[in-house]
Every structure is written in C-alpha cells, then in structure tokens.
C-alpha cells in the first residue's frame, strides 16, 4: 500500500471530523463496515483507483499520480424529498471543507470533485437508505516503489577523481600535460 495514499485518505477523514458534519465516530476510513440505522448519517472515505499520469524525473523516478478518492455519504429517512435535501446539504458541506485546502495540508498537489453518484436502497423498508458517492480526483507525486526501497540504501554521490591518458599509445606523456589531465569533481549537496 502506498503511504501517500494512506496519508491522503487519513487527512480527508481528519478534515471531515474537524468539520463536524456528522458525528466523528461515524466517519470511517474504509467501507468494509455495514451501515447500521443507529449510526446514520455516516461518511466513508476510501480509494477506488490510483493511476500514473506521468513521470517527473528518472532517477529516482518521481511519478505524477491521479487518485480516485471516494467520500460516500449515507443516511436514512422515511421521506424521499427530505432525504434528498439532507443528502445534498451534507455533500455540499463535504465539498466545501475539502476544497477549502486543495493541498490537504501539503499531502497532495490538488483535490477536486469530479462527480457525484446517488443511490437509493430499501424501497420496502420504513426508512430507506440514501447515499451519495462523491468521487474526488486527487493529484499527487510519489516515488516508484523501487525508488522508495533504494532511498537510504545508496550512498550519495559527492564527487569523483578523474584521470585522463595524455599522449599517443606508445609515447610518454609530457609531465605538465599529465598533471593537467587530473581532475577532482565535487558535487554540491543540496
């Protein structure tokens, strides 16, 4: 699992908990727990897809990535029109809070709402469930896994000594030329 992905997801959960949109205990960083009526409204934050959108550099390889982050808002109400309005209000608050800091406290380069899908379940129940699946696009940079592994395992390149062969194959080099054919290269460390 990408640490960056986990950090982004956890930051979204933190932002939503601080926003006090719903009870903090009902904001989850996964979607594996079934929703119970007594715990609604609830918000689940999870990722659906993570793709490489480009390459920044080649050594170590830094990748531009596009993450599909889901914020699912679920509530239960007996009246469809009331539920639709409550769902819209909750979605608007989620979008407002997440767009207030489009870098998620430095965890990403940008986050924006791409689309919202609405769902309705349990027509036969007294209080059916209504949900909105908010799909956010998160742009961020991350080192490829091999580069993350190698970081710290390779010594920094700080310099080199270079010597050049001066003269023809069978001739002895002039000592003055030979002395000038030596070089020490120091690489400034940032």
Protein backbone atom coordinates (compact mmCIF):
# COMPACT_ATOMS: atom_id res chain seq x y z
CA UNK A 1 0.00 0.00 0.00
CA UNK A 2 1.22 3.46 -0.83
CA UNK A 3 1.97 5.52 2.26
CA UNK A 4 0.99 8.65 0.33
CA UNK A 5 -2.42 7.17 -0.49
CA UNK A 6 -2.97 6.29 3.16
CA UNK A 7 -1.85 9.77 4.28
CA UNK A 8 -4.26 11.43 1.83
CA UNK A 9 -7.18 9.25 2.93
CA UNK A 10 -6.44 9.87 6.63
CA UNK A 11 -6.14 13.62 6.04
CA UNK A 12 -9.58 13.67 4.37
CA UNK A 13 -11.02 11.82 7.38
CA UNK A 14 -9.36 14.34 9.73
CA UNK A 15 -10.72 17.31 7.79
CA UNK A 16 -14.24 15.88 7.84
CA UNK A 17 -14.06 15.04 11.55
CA UNK A 18 -12.91 18.59 12.37
CA UNK A 19 -15.72 19.97 10.21
CA UNK A 20 -18.28 18.27 12.45
CA UNK A 21 -20.55 17.44 9.50
CA UNK A 22 -21.72 14.24 11.19
CA UNK A 23 -20.71 12.60 14.47
CA UNK A 24 -16.95 12.00 14.27
CA UNK A 25 -17.32 8.31 15.19
CA UNK A 26 -19.47 7.87 12.06
CA UNK A 27 -16.68 8.98 9.73
CA UNK A 28 -14.71 5.94 8.64
CA UNK A 29 -11.51 5.47 6.65
CA UNK A 30 -12.87 2.36 4.93
CA UNK A 31 -16.09 0.91 3.61
CA UNK A 32 -15.98 -2.61 4.99
CA UNK A 33 -18.31 -1.97 7.93
CA UNK A 34 -22.02 -2.33 7.08
CA UNK A 35 -24.13 0.70 7.89
CA UNK A 36 -26.49 0.35 10.83
CA UNK A 37 -29.53 2.59 11.22
CA UNK A 38 -28.43 3.89 14.61
CA UNK A 39 -25.05 5.02 13.14
CA UNK A 40 -26.51 7.12 10.34
CA UNK A 41 -25.78 9.55 8.85
CA UNK A 42 -22.29 8.23 8.18
CA UNK A 43 -19.38 9.02 5.88
CA UNK A 44 -16.89 6.51 4.48
CA UNK A 45 -13.64 7.56 2.83
CA UNK A 46 -11.83 5.09 0.57
CA UNK A 47 -9.90 4.90 -2.67
CA UNK A 48 -11.11 3.23 -5.81
CA UNK A 49 -8.25 3.71 -8.29
CA UNK A 50 -4.74 5.12 -8.41
CA UNK A 51 -3.03 5.62 -11.75
CA UNK A 52 0.24 7.01 -13.01
CA UNK A 53 -0.46 10.14 -15.02
CA UNK A 54 3.15 10.91 -15.99
CA UNK A 55 6.77 10.86 -14.96
CA UNK A 56 8.57 13.82 -13.43
CA UNK A 57 12.12 12.58 -13.27
CA UNK A 58 14.10 9.48 -13.99
CA UNK A 59 16.45 8.92 -11.04
CA UNK A 60 14.97 8.30 -8.58
CA UNK A 61 11.75 8.08 -10.55
CA UNK A 62 9.14 10.52 -9.26
CA UNK A 63 5.69 9.79 -10.68
CA UNK A 64 2.70 12.08 -11.18
CA UNK A 65 -0.32 10.18 -9.89
CA UNK A 66 -4.07 10.61 -10.09
CA UNK A 67 -6.06 9.07 -7.25
CA UNK A 68 -9.79 8.42 -7.33
CA UNK A 69 -10.89 9.09 -3.75
CA UNK A 70 -14.45 8.28 -2.68
CA UNK A 71 -16.38 10.06 0.02
CA UNK A 72 -19.61 8.13 0.49
CA UNK A 73 -22.36 9.86 2.46
CA UNK A 74 -25.16 7.60 3.71
CA UNK A 75 -28.34 8.50 5.59
CA UNK A 76 -31.72 7.04 6.31
CA UNK A 77 -35.04 8.86 6.17
CA UNK A 78 -38.63 7.92 5.55
CA UNK A 79 -39.38 10.81 3.22
CA UNK A 80 -37.55 10.88 -0.11
CA UNK A 81 -37.68 14.64 -0.56
CA UNK A 82 -36.31 15.27 2.94
CA UNK A 83 -33.58 12.69 2.43
CA UNK A 84 -32.59 14.18 -0.93
CA UNK A 85 -32.30 17.66 0.61
CA UNK A 86 -30.30 16.37 3.62
CA UNK A 87 -28.02 14.41 1.31
CA UNK A 88 -27.43 17.48 -0.88
CA UNK A 89 -26.66 19.57 2.22
CA UNK A 90 -24.17 17.03 3.55
CA UNK A 91 -22.48 16.72 0.14
CA UNK A 92 -22.19 20.48 -0.14
CA UNK A 93 -20.51 20.66 3.27
CA UNK A 94 -18.09 17.86 2.36
CA UNK A 95 -17.16 19.62 -0.87
CA UNK A 96 -16.79 22.99 0.87
CA UNK A 97 -14.45 21.64 3.54
CA UNK A 98 -12.32 19.57 1.17
CA UNK A 99 -11.97 22.40 -1.33
CA UNK A 100 -11.00 24.89 1.39
CA UNK A 101 -7.48 23.42 1.38
CA UNK A 102 -6.81 21.98 -2.06
CA UNK A 103 -3.45 20.53 -0.96
CA UNK A 104 -4.89 18.69 2.06
CA UNK A 105 -2.33 20.21 4.40
CA UNK A 106 0.51 19.51 1.94
CA UNK A 107 -0.42 15.87 1.33
CA UNK A 108 -1.26 16.39 -2.37
CA UNK A 109 -0.97 18.90 -5.21
CA UNK A 110 -4.70 19.28 -5.83
CA UNK A 111 -8.09 17.79 -4.96
CA UNK A 112 -11.35 18.48 -6.73
CA UNK A 113 -14.81 16.95 -7.05
CA UNK A 114 -15.20 15.02 -10.31
CA UNK A 115 -18.74 13.69 -9.96
CA UNK A 116 -21.44 12.53 -7.55
CA UNK A 117 -23.48 9.34 -7.96
CA UNK A 118 -26.71 8.96 -5.96
CA UNK A 119 -28.26 5.71 -4.83
CA UNK A 120 -31.43 4.63 -3.06
CA UNK A 121 -31.88 1.28 -1.32
CA UNK A 122 -34.73 -0.38 0.53
CA UNK A 123 -37.95 0.88 -1.03
CA UNK A 124 -39.90 -1.65 1.03
CA UNK A 125 -38.37 -0.52 4.33
CA UNK A 126 -39.97 2.06 6.57
CA UNK A 127 -36.84 4.21 6.35
CA UNK A 128 -34.90 3.53 3.14
CA UNK A 129 -31.18 4.30 2.83
CA UNK A 130 -29.97 7.08 0.60
CA UNK A 131 -26.37 7.54 -0.41
CA UNK A 132 -24.17 9.87 -2.42
CA UNK A 133 -20.86 8.62 -3.73
CA UNK A 134 -18.67 11.69 -4.19
CA UNK A 135 -15.73 10.98 -6.49
CA UNK A 136 -12.77 13.29 -5.92
CA UNK A 137 -9.69 13.42 -8.12
CA UNK A 138 -6.50 13.84 -6.10
CA UNK A 139 -3.26 14.73 -7.87
CA UNK A 140 -0.01 13.95 -6.09
CA UNK A 141 3.58 12.91 -6.67
CA UNK A 142 5.18 9.74 -5.34
CA UNK A 143 8.38 7.83 -5.89
CA UNK A 144 8.00 4.48 -7.60
CA UNK A 145 8.27 1.57 -5.14
CA UNK A 146 11.79 0.61 -6.26
CA UNK A 147 12.98 4.18 -5.68
CA UNK A 148 11.43 4.26 -2.18
CA UNK A 149 13.22 0.99 -1.40
CA UNK A 150 16.56 2.28 -2.64
CA UNK A 151 16.37 5.57 -0.76
CA UNK A 152 18.71 5.33 2.17
CA UNK A 153 20.40 2.20 0.78
CA UNK A 154 22.62 4.02 -1.73
CA UNK A 155 25.37 6.42 -0.72
CA UNK A 156 25.00 9.96 -2.00
CA UNK A 157 27.26 10.83 -4.95
CA UNK A 158 29.56 13.54 -3.58
CA UNK A 159 32.46 13.56 -6.02
CA UNK A 160 34.88 11.74 -8.31
CA UNK A 161 38.53 11.72 -9.27
CA UNK A 162 39.19 11.64 -12.99
CA UNK A 163 42.47 10.94 -14.76
CA UNK A 164 42.95 11.13 -18.50
CA UNK A 165 45.56 9.41 -20.64
CA UNK A 166 47.55 12.09 -22.41
CA UNK A 167 49.68 11.34 -25.45
CA UNK A 168 49.71 8.72 -28.13
CA UNK A 169 49.54 4.98 -27.46
CA UNK A 170 53.29 4.37 -27.42
CA UNK A 171 54.61 7.75 -26.40
CA UNK A 172 55.37 9.00 -22.94
CA UNK A 173 53.11 11.90 -21.90
CA UNK A 174 54.59 15.27 -21.15
CA UNK A 175 54.58 15.60 -17.33
CA UNK A 176 52.99 19.09 -17.48
CA UNK A 177 50.18 17.77 -19.66
CA UNK A 178 49.76 14.72 -17.41
CA UNK A 179 49.39 16.93 -14.32
CA UNK A 180 46.68 18.97 -16.02
CA UNK A 181 44.87 15.78 -17.05
CA UNK A 182 43.85 15.06 -13.45
CA UNK A 183 40.67 16.48 -12.04
CA UNK A 184 38.66 16.25 -8.88
CA UNK A 185 34.92 16.84 -9.20
CA UNK A 186 32.95 17.81 -6.11
CA UNK A 187 29.17 17.69 -6.36
CA UNK A 188 27.42 20.33 -4.26
CA UNK A 189 24.94 18.72 -1.82
CA UNK A 190 21.54 20.30 -1.58
